[in-house]
PDB file of N, CA and C in Angstrom:
ATOM      1  N   MET A   1      -3.205   8.490   0.560  1.00  0.00           N
ATOM      2  CA  MET A   1      -1.929   7.917   0.950  1.00  0.00           C
ATOM      3  C   MET A   1      -0.832   8.950   0.760  1.00  0.00           C
ATOM      4  N   ILE A   2       0.310   8.642   1.332  1.00  0.00           N
ATOM      5  CA  ILE A   2       1.416   9.587   1.255  1.00  0.00           C
ATOM      6  C   ILE A   2       2.570   9.036   0.417  1.00  0.00           C
ATOM      7  N   GLU A   3       2.245   8.238  -0.610  1.00  0.00           N
ATOM      8  CA  GLU A   3       3.285   7.677  -1.465  1.00  0.00           C
ATOM      9  C   GLU A   3       4.137   8.769  -2.094  1.00  0.00           C
ATOM     10  N   ASP A   4       3.545   9.944  -2.292  1.00  0.00           N
ATOM     11  CA  ASP A   4       4.287  11.021  -2.926  1.00  0.00           C
ATOM     12  C   ASP A   4       5.278  11.670  -1.963  1.00  0.00           C
ATOM     13  N   LEU A   5       5.284  11.241  -0.719  1.00  0.00           N
ATOM     14  CA  LEU A   5       6.196  11.795   0.274  1.00  0.00           C
ATOM     15  C   LEU A   5       6.956  10.666   0.975  1.00  0.00           C
ATOM     16  N   PRO A   6       7.813   9.931   0.244  1.00  0.00           N
ATOM     17  CA  PRO A   6       8.477   8.764   0.838  1.00  0.00           C
ATOM     18  C   PRO A   6       9.347   9.101   2.038  1.00  0.00           C
ATOM     19  N   GLU A   7       9.939  10.300   2.055  1.00  0.00           N
ATOM     20  CA  GLU A   7      10.787  10.650   3.194  1.00  0.00           C
ATOM     21  C   GLU A   7       9.962  10.803   4.468  1.00  0.00           C
ATOM     22  N   ILE A   8       8.751  11.306   4.341  1.00  0.00           N
ATOM     23  CA  ILE A   8       7.871  11.431   5.508  1.00  0.00           C
ATOM     24  C   ILE A   8       7.428  10.042   5.962  1.00  0.00           C
ATOM     25  N   ARG A   9       7.056   9.205   5.020  1.00  0.00           N
ATOM     26  CA  ARG A   9       6.643   7.832   5.352  1.00  0.00           C
ATOM     27  C   ARG A   9       7.777   7.113   6.079  1.00  0.00           C
ATOM     28  N   GLU A  10       8.984   7.237   5.585  1.00  0.00           N
ATOM     29  CA  GLU A  10      10.130   6.574   6.200  1.00  0.00           C
ATOM     30  C   GLU A  10      10.363   7.081   7.624  1.00  0.00           C
ATOM     31  N   GLN A  11      10.280   8.377   7.824  1.00  0.00           N
ATOM     32  CA  GLN A  11      10.458   8.949   9.162  1.00  0.00           C
ATOM     33  C   GLN A  11       9.376   8.453  10.117  1.00  0.00           C
ATOM     34  N   LEU A  12       8.135   8.469   9.655  1.00  0.00           N
ATOM     35  CA  LEU A  12       7.034   8.014  10.512  1.00  0.00           C
ATOM     36  C   LEU A  12       7.184   6.537  10.869  1.00  0.00           C
ATOM     37  N   GLN A  13       7.564   5.716   9.895  1.00  0.00           N
ATOM     38  CA  GLN A  13       7.741   4.292  10.173  1.00  0.00           C
ATOM     39  C   GLN A  13       8.815   4.072  11.226  1.00  0.00           C
ATOM     40  N   LYS A  14       9.913   4.822  11.133  1.00  0.00           N
ATOM     41  CA  LYS A  14      10.982   4.690  12.134  1.00  0.00           C
ATOM     42  C   LYS A  14      10.478   5.081  13.521  1.00  0.00           C
ATOM     43  N   HIS A  15       9.698   6.163  13.590  1.00  0.00           N
ATOM     44  CA  HIS A  15       9.167   6.597  14.889  1.00  0.00           C
ATOM     45  C   HIS A  15       8.208   5.558  15.466  1.00  0.00           C
ATOM     46  N   TRP A  16       7.321   5.012  14.631  1.00  0.00           N
ATOM     47  CA  TRP A  16       6.378   4.004  15.116  1.00  0.00           C
ATOM     48  C   TRP A  16       7.121   2.758  15.590  1.00  0.00           C
ATOM     49  N   GLN A  17       8.137   2.340  14.832  1.00  0.00           N
ATOM     50  CA  GLN A  17       8.920   1.173  15.249  1.00  0.00           C
ATOM     51  C   GLN A  17       9.604   1.435  16.584  1.00  0.00           C
ATOM     52  N   THR A  18      10.207   2.596  16.706  1.00  0.00           N
ATOM     53  CA  THR A  18      10.889   2.959  17.947  1.00  0.00           C
ATOM     54  C   THR A  18       9.913   2.969  19.115  1.00  0.00           C
ATOM     55  N   ASN A  19       8.751   3.581  18.916  1.00  0.00           N
ATOM     56  CA  ASN A  19       7.748   3.637  19.986  1.00  0.00           C
ATOM     57  C   ASN A  19       7.262   2.244  20.358  1.00  0.00           C
ATOM     58  N   GLY A  20       6.996   1.414  19.366  1.00  0.00           N
ATOM     59  CA  GLY A  20       6.538   0.058  19.642  1.00  0.00           C
ATOM     60  C   GLY A  20       7.572  -0.749  20.403  1.00  0.00           C
ATOM     61  N   LEU A  21       8.818  -0.686  19.967  1.00  0.00           N
ATOM     62  CA  LEU A  21       9.880  -1.419  20.642  1.00  0.00           C
ATOM     63  C   LEU A  21      10.119  -0.884  22.053  1.00  0.00           C
ATOM     64  N   ASP A  22       9.985   0.417  22.229  1.00  0.00           N
ATOM     65  CA  ASP A  22      10.133   1.010  23.562  1.00  0.00           C
ATOM     66  C   ASP A  22       9.075   0.453  24.514  1.00  0.00           C
ATOM     67  N   LEU A  23       7.846   0.337  24.031  1.00  0.00           N
ATOM     68  CA  LEU A  23       6.778  -0.215  24.871  1.00  0.00           C
ATOM     69  C   LEU A  23       7.062  -1.671  25.239  1.00  0.00           C
ATOM     70  N   VAL A  24       7.596  -2.432  24.290  1.00  0.00           N
ATOM     71  CA  VAL A  24       7.948  -3.827  24.574  1.00  0.00           C
ATOM     72  C   VAL A  24       9.058  -3.871  25.626  1.00  0.00           C
ATOM     73  N   LYS A  25      10.049  -3.007  25.480  1.00  0.00           N
ATOM     74  CA  LYS A  25      11.142  -2.957  26.465  1.00  0.00           C
ATOM     75  C   LYS A  25      10.640  -2.573  27.850  1.00  0.00           C
ATOM     76  N   ARG A  26       9.562  -1.822  27.911  1.00  0.00           N
ATOM     77  CA  ARG A  26       8.983  -1.424  29.205  1.00  0.00           C
ATOM     78  C   ARG A  26       8.160  -2.541  29.843  1.00  0.00           C
ATOM     79  N   GLY A  27       8.018  -3.652  29.125  1.00  0.00           N
ATOM     80  CA  GLY A  27       7.351  -4.805  29.713  1.00  0.00           C
ATOM     81  C   GLY A  27       6.016  -5.174  29.110  1.00  0.00           C
ATOM     82  N   PHE A  28       5.528  -4.401  28.157  1.00  0.00           N
ATOM     83  CA  PHE A  28       4.271  -4.761  27.514  1.00  0.00           C
ATOM     84  C   PHE A  28       4.517  -5.910  26.538  1.00  0.00           C
ATOM     85  N   ARG A  29       3.567  -6.815  26.459  1.00  0.00           N
ATOM     86  CA  ARG A  29       3.701  -7.944  25.534  1.00  0.00           C
ATOM     87  C   ARG A  29       3.676  -7.440  24.094  1.00  0.00           C
ATOM     88  N   PRO A  30       4.584  -7.951  23.232  1.00  0.00           N
ATOM     89  CA  PRO A  30       4.630  -7.506  21.834  1.00  0.00           C
ATOM     90  C   PRO A  30       3.286  -7.655  21.123  1.00  0.00           C
ATOM     91  N   GLU A  31       2.585  -8.757  21.398  1.00  0.00           N
ATOM     92  CA  GLU A  31       1.289  -8.969  20.748  1.00  0.00           C
ATOM     93  C   GLU A  31       0.322  -7.847  21.082  1.00  0.00           C
ATOM     94  N   ALA A  32       0.312  -7.454  22.345  1.00  0.00           N
ATOM     95  CA  ALA A  32      -0.602  -6.393  22.782  1.00  0.00           C
ATOM     96  C   ALA A  32      -0.189  -5.044  22.203  1.00  0.00           C
ATOM     97  N   VAL A  33       1.105  -4.774  22.187  1.00  0.00           N
ATOM     98  CA  VAL A  33       1.598  -3.489  21.665  1.00  0.00           C
ATOM     99  C   VAL A  33       1.213  -3.327  20.203  1.00  0.00           C
ATOM    100  N   PHE A  34       1.570  -4.316  19.385  1.00  0.00           N
ATOM    101  CA  PHE A  34       1.367  -4.143  17.952  1.00  0.00           C
ATOM    102  C   PHE A  34      -0.088  -4.310  17.532  1.00  0.00           C
ATOM    103  N   GLU A  35      -0.844  -5.137  18.250  1.00  0.00           N
ATOM    104  CA  GLU A  35      -2.276  -5.232  17.961  1.00  0.00           C
ATOM    105  C   GLU A  35      -2.963  -3.907  18.276  1.00  0.00           C
ATOM    106  N   THR A  36      -2.585  -3.311  19.404  1.00  0.00           N
ATOM    107  CA  THR A  36      -3.178  -2.032  19.798  1.00  0.00           C
ATOM    108  C   THR A  36      -2.784  -0.928  18.817  1.00  0.00           C
ATOM    109  N   MET A  37      -1.516  -0.913  18.404  1.00  0.00           N
ATOM    110  CA  MET A  37      -1.072   0.085  17.423  1.00  0.00           C
ATOM    111  C   MET A  37      -1.872  -0.061  16.127  1.00  0.00           C
ATOM    112  N   MET A  38      -2.072  -1.312  15.712  1.00  0.00           N
ATOM    113  CA  MET A  38      -2.814  -1.556  14.482  1.00  0.00           C
ATOM    114  C   MET A  38      -4.273  -1.115  14.628  1.00  0.00           C
ATOM    115  N   THR A  39      -4.872  -1.400  15.765  1.00  0.00           N
ATOM    116  CA  THR A  39      -6.267  -1.042  16.001  1.00  0.00           C
ATOM    117  C   THR A  39      -6.455   0.477  15.989  1.00  0.00           C
ATOM    118  N   VAL A  40      -5.572   1.170  16.697  1.00  0.00           N
ATOM    119  CA  VAL A  40      -5.657   2.632  16.745  1.00  0.00           C
ATOM    120  C   VAL A  40      -5.395   3.219  15.360  1.00  0.00           C
ATOM    121  N   GLY A  41      -4.368   2.697  14.678  1.00  0.00           N
ATOM    122  CA  GLY A  41      -4.051   3.181  13.339  1.00  0.00           C
ATOM    123  C   GLY A  41      -5.184   2.937  12.359  1.00  0.00           C
ATOM    124  N   LEU A  42      -5.785   1.763  12.439  1.00  0.00           N
ATOM    125  CA  LEU A  42      -6.897   1.437  11.544  1.00  0.00           C
ATOM    126  C   LEU A  42      -8.094   2.350  11.790  1.00  0.00           C
ATOM    127  N   ALA A  43      -8.380   2.625  13.046  1.00  0.00           N
ATOM    128  CA  ALA A  43      -9.498   3.527  13.358  1.00  0.00           C
ATOM    129  C   ALA A  43      -9.252   4.915  12.764  1.00  0.00           C
ATOM    130  N   GLY A  44      -8.028   5.408  12.899  1.00  0.00           N
ATOM    131  CA  GLY A  44      -7.696   6.708  12.313  1.00  0.00           C
ATOM    132  C   GLY A  44      -7.738   6.673  10.794  1.00  0.00           C
ATOM    133  N   PHE A  45      -7.264   5.585  10.226  1.00  0.00           N
ATOM    134  CA  PHE A  45      -7.261   5.428   8.769  1.00  0.00           C
ATOM    135  C   PHE A  45      -8.691   5.440   8.228  1.00  0.00           C
ATOM    136  N   ILE A  46      -9.595   4.769   8.938  1.00  0.00           N
ATOM    137  CA  ILE A  46     -11.007   4.754   8.540  1.00  0.00           C
ATOM    138  C   ILE A  46     -11.587   6.159   8.624  1.00  0.00           C
ATOM    139  N   GLU A  47     -11.231   6.872   9.666  1.00  0.00           N
ATOM    140  CA  GLU A  47     -11.741   8.233   9.828  1.00  0.00           C
ATOM    141  C   GLU A  47     -11.276   9.149   8.687  1.00  0.00           C
ATOM    142  N   VAL A  48     -10.043   8.958   8.244  1.00  0.00           N
ATOM    143  CA  VAL A  48      -9.485   9.795   7.181  1.00  0.00           C
ATOM    144  C   VAL A  48      -9.999   9.384   5.799  1.00  0.00           C
ATOM    145  N   HIS A  49     -10.064   8.070   5.546  1.00  0.00           N
ATOM    146  CA  HIS A  49     -10.355   7.588   4.187  1.00  0.00           C
ATOM    147  C   HIS A  49     -11.746   7.004   3.994  1.00  0.00           C
ATOM    148  N   GLY A  50     -12.455   6.702   5.072  1.00  0.00           N
ATOM    149  CA  GLY A  50     -13.790   6.113   4.962  1.00  0.00           C
ATOM    150  C   GLY A  50     -13.754   4.595   4.980  1.00  0.00           C
ATOM    151  N   ARG A  51     -14.849   4.037   5.453  1.00  0.00           N
ATOM    152  CA  ARG A  51     -14.940   2.583   5.633  1.00  0.00           C
ATOM    153  C   ARG A  51     -14.784   1.810   4.329  1.00  0.00           C
ATOM    154  N   GLU A  52     -15.471   2.241   3.287  1.00  0.00           N
ATOM    155  CA  GLU A  52     -15.445   1.487   2.033  1.00  0.00           C
ATOM    156  C   GLU A  52     -14.044   1.439   1.441  1.00  0.00           C
ATOM    157  N   SER A  53     -13.377   2.574   1.409  1.00  0.00           N
ATOM    158  CA  SER A  53     -12.027   2.639   0.871  1.00  0.00           C
ATOM    159  C   SER A  53     -11.071   1.764   1.680  1.00  0.00           C
ATOM    160  N   VAL A  54     -11.188   1.826   2.985  1.00  0.00           N
ATOM    161  CA  VAL A  54     -10.312   1.038   3.851  1.00  0.00           C
ATOM    162  C   VAL A  54     -10.626  -0.453   3.703  1.00  0.00           C
ATOM    163  N   ALA A  55     -11.887  -0.795   3.602  1.00  0.00           N
ATOM    164  CA  ALA A  55     -12.268  -2.199   3.415  1.00  0.00           C
ATOM    165  C   ALA A  55     -11.657  -2.751   2.126  1.00  0.00           C
ATOM    166  N   GLU A  56     -11.723  -1.988   1.062  1.00  0.00           N
ATOM    167  CA  GLU A  56     -11.128  -2.416  -0.210  1.00  0.00           C
ATOM    168  C   GLU A  56      -9.619  -2.606  -0.066  1.00  0.00           C
ATOM    169  N   ARG A  57      -8.976  -1.684   0.605  1.00  0.00           N
ATOM    170  CA  ARG A  57      -7.527  -1.765   0.799  1.00  0.00           C
ATOM    171  C   ARG A  57      -7.171  -2.985   1.640  1.00  0.00           C
ATOM    172  N   LEU A  58      -7.948  -3.248   2.696  1.00  0.00           N
ATOM    173  CA  LEU A  58      -7.677  -4.404   3.546  1.00  0.00           C
ATOM    174  C   LEU A  58      -7.844  -5.713   2.786  1.00  0.00           C
ATOM    175  N   VAL A  59      -8.835  -5.778   1.914  1.00  0.00           N
ATOM    176  CA  VAL A  59      -9.029  -6.972   1.095  1.00  0.00           C
ATOM    177  C   VAL A  59      -7.807  -7.193   0.207  1.00  0.00           C
ATOM    178  N   LEU A  60      -7.327  -6.129  -0.425  1.00  0.00           N
ATOM    179  CA  LEU A  60      -6.136  -6.247  -1.272  1.00  0.00           C
ATOM    180  C   LEU A  60      -4.918  -6.694  -0.461  1.00  0.00           C
ATOM    181  N   MET A  61      -4.765  -6.138   0.732  1.00  0.00           N
ATOM    182  CA  MET A  61      -3.646  -6.517   1.593  1.00  0.00           C
ATOM    183  C   MET A  61      -3.754  -7.996   1.981  1.00  0.00           C
ATOM    184  N   ALA A  62      -4.951  -8.440   2.311  1.00  0.00           N
ATOM    185  CA  ALA A  62      -5.160  -9.840   2.688  1.00  0.00           C
ATOM    186  C   ALA A  62      -4.844 -10.763   1.519  1.00  0.00           C
ATOM    187  N   GLN A  63      -5.235 -10.364   0.320  1.00  0.00           N
ATOM    188  CA  GLN A  63      -4.939 -11.170  -0.864  1.00  0.00           C
ATOM    189  C   GLN A  63      -3.435 -11.275  -1.086  1.00  0.00           C
ATOM    190  N   ARG A  64      -2.731 -10.160  -0.927  1.00  0.00           N
ATOM    191  CA  ARG A  64      -1.264 -10.180  -1.091  1.00  0.00           C
ATOM    192  C   ARG A  64      -0.611 -11.078  -0.048  1.00  0.00           C
ATOM    193  N   LEU A  65      -1.071 -10.969   1.193  1.00  0.00           N
ATOM    194  CA  LEU A  65      -0.513 -11.824   2.245  1.00  0.00           C
ATOM    195  C   LEU A  65      -0.782 -13.300   1.956  1.00  0.00           C
ATOM    196  N   SER A  66      -1.980 -13.610   1.491  1.00  0.00           N
ATOM    197  CA  SER A  66      -2.321 -14.994   1.153  1.00  0.00           C
ATOM    198  C   SER A  66      -1.428 -15.507   0.033  1.00  0.00           C
ATOM    199  N   GLU A  67      -1.187 -14.672  -0.964  1.00  0.00           N
ATOM    200  CA  GLU A  67      -0.297 -15.058  -2.067  1.00  0.00           C
ATOM    201  C   GLU A  67       1.111 -15.319  -1.552  1.00  0.00           C
ATOM    202  N   GLN A  68       1.597 -14.463  -0.663  1.00  0.00           N
ATOM    203  CA  GLN A  68       2.936 -14.650  -0.100  1.00  0.00           C
ATOM    204  C   GLN A  68       3.018 -15.954   0.694  1.00  0.00           C
ATOM    205  N   VAL A  69       1.987 -16.239   1.467  1.00  0.00           N
ATOM    206  CA  VAL A  69       1.963 -17.475   2.253  1.00  0.00           C
ATOM    207  C   VAL A  69       1.984 -18.680   1.321  1.00  0.00           C
ATOM    208  N   ARG A  70       1.179 -18.648   0.260  1.00  0.00           N
ATOM    209  CA  ARG A  70       1.163 -19.752  -0.709  1.00  0.00           C
ATOM    210  C   ARG A  70       2.523 -19.923  -1.370  1.00  0.00           C
ATOM    211  N   GLU A  71       3.123 -18.804  -1.780  1.00  0.00           N
ATOM    212  CA  GLU A  71       4.439 -18.868  -2.437  1.00  0.00           C
ATOM    213  C   GLU A  71       5.499 -19.425  -1.488  1.00  0.00           C
ATOM    214  N   GLU A  72       5.470 -18.988  -0.232  1.00  0.00           N
ATOM    215  CA  GLU A  72       6.442 -19.493   0.745  1.00  0.00           C
ATOM    216  C   GLU A  72       6.233 -20.983   1.000  1.00  0.00           C
ATOM    217  N   ALA A  73       4.984 -21.401   1.109  1.00  0.00           N
ATOM    218  CA  ALA A  73       4.688 -22.816   1.333  1.00  0.00           C
ATOM    219  C   ALA A  73       5.149 -23.643   0.137  1.00  0.00           C
ATOM    220  N   GLN A  74       4.933 -23.136  -1.054  1.00  0.00           N
ATOM    221  CA  GLN A  74       5.370 -23.833  -2.258  1.00  0.00           C
ATOM    222  C   GLN A  74       6.895 -23.928  -2.293  1.00  0.00           C
ATOM    223  N   ALA A  75       7.589 -22.852  -1.935  1.00  0.00           N
ATOM    224  CA  ALA A  75       9.048 -22.854  -1.925  1.00  0.00           C
ATOM    225  C   ALA A  75       9.583 -23.862  -0.907  1.00  0.00           C
ATOM    226  N   VAL A  76       8.962 -23.928   0.266  1.00  0.00           N
ATOM    227  CA  VAL A  76       9.388 -24.885   1.291  1.00  0.00           C
ATOM    228  C   VAL A  76       9.166 -26.307   0.791  1.00  0.00           C
ATOM    229  N   SER A  77       8.020 -26.543   0.172  1.00  0.00           N
ATOM    230  CA  SER A  77       7.709 -27.862  -0.350  1.00  0.00           C
ATOM    231  C   SER A  77       8.707 -28.271  -1.443  1.00  0.00           C
ATOM    232  N   GLU A  78       9.014 -27.359  -2.346  1.00  0.00           N
ATOM    233  CA  GLU A  78       9.965 -27.639  -3.415  1.00  0.00           C
ATOM    234  C   GLU A  78      11.359 -27.886  -2.857  1.00  0.00           C
ATOM    235  N   ALA A  79      11.749 -27.117  -1.846  1.00  0.00           N
ATOM    236  CA  ALA A  79      13.062 -27.313  -1.224  1.00  0.00           C
ATOM    237  C   ALA A  79      13.134 -28.670  -0.534  1.00  0.00           C
ATOM    238  N   ALA A  80      12.054 -29.073   0.099  1.00  0.00           N
ATOM    239  CA  ALA A  80      12.016 -30.368   0.768  1.00  0.00           C
ATOM    240  C   ALA A  80      12.145 -31.513  -0.246  1.00  0.00           C
ATOM    241  N   ARG A  81      11.447 -31.376  -1.370  1.00  0.00           N
ATOM    242  CA  ARG A  81      11.528 -32.394  -2.416  1.00  0.00           C
ATOM    243  C   ARG A  81      12.940 -32.441  -3.013  1.00  0.00           C
ATOM    244  N   ALA A  82      13.556 -31.272  -3.189  1.00  0.00           N
ATOM    245  CA  ALA A  82      14.881 -31.203  -3.793  1.00  0.00           C
ATOM    246  C   ALA A  82      15.936 -31.849  -2.883  1.00  0.00           C
ATOM    247  N   THR A  83      15.769 -31.705  -1.581  1.00  0.00           N
ATOM    248  CA  THR A  83      16.759 -32.277  -0.654  1.00  0.00           C
ATOM    249  C   THR A  83      16.593 -33.778  -0.500  1.00  0.00           C
ATOM    250  N   LYS A  84      15.417 -34.305  -0.839  1.00  0.00           N
ATOM    251  CA  LYS A  84      15.180 -35.748  -0.762  1.00  0.00           C
ATOM    252  C   LYS A  84      15.851 -36.479  -1.919  1.00  0.00           C
ATOM    253  N   ASN A  85      16.043 -35.770  -3.022  1.00  0.00           N
ATOM    254  CA  ASN A  85      16.619 -36.423  -4.223  1.00  0.00           C
ATOM    255  C   ASN A  85      18.096 -36.454  -4.188  1.00  0.00           C
TER     256      ASN A  85
END
């Protein structure tokens, strides 16, 4: 990973966002643009880091996303209960 180079990561993220949005503006569906970007990026990531390492990272990412979804659902539920009282 390039955590030790945050300025490079930030620059690359801006370029990828710009490229993705440009493709959407050209008429490509956002779902297709970002799914394709993810697929290509994942293939390159696997090539650089190996399948096992990437699989472990994806599992961790999925767990974090699941936790966020649970927390958001809990917050919505609590807010709904609070507004009923």
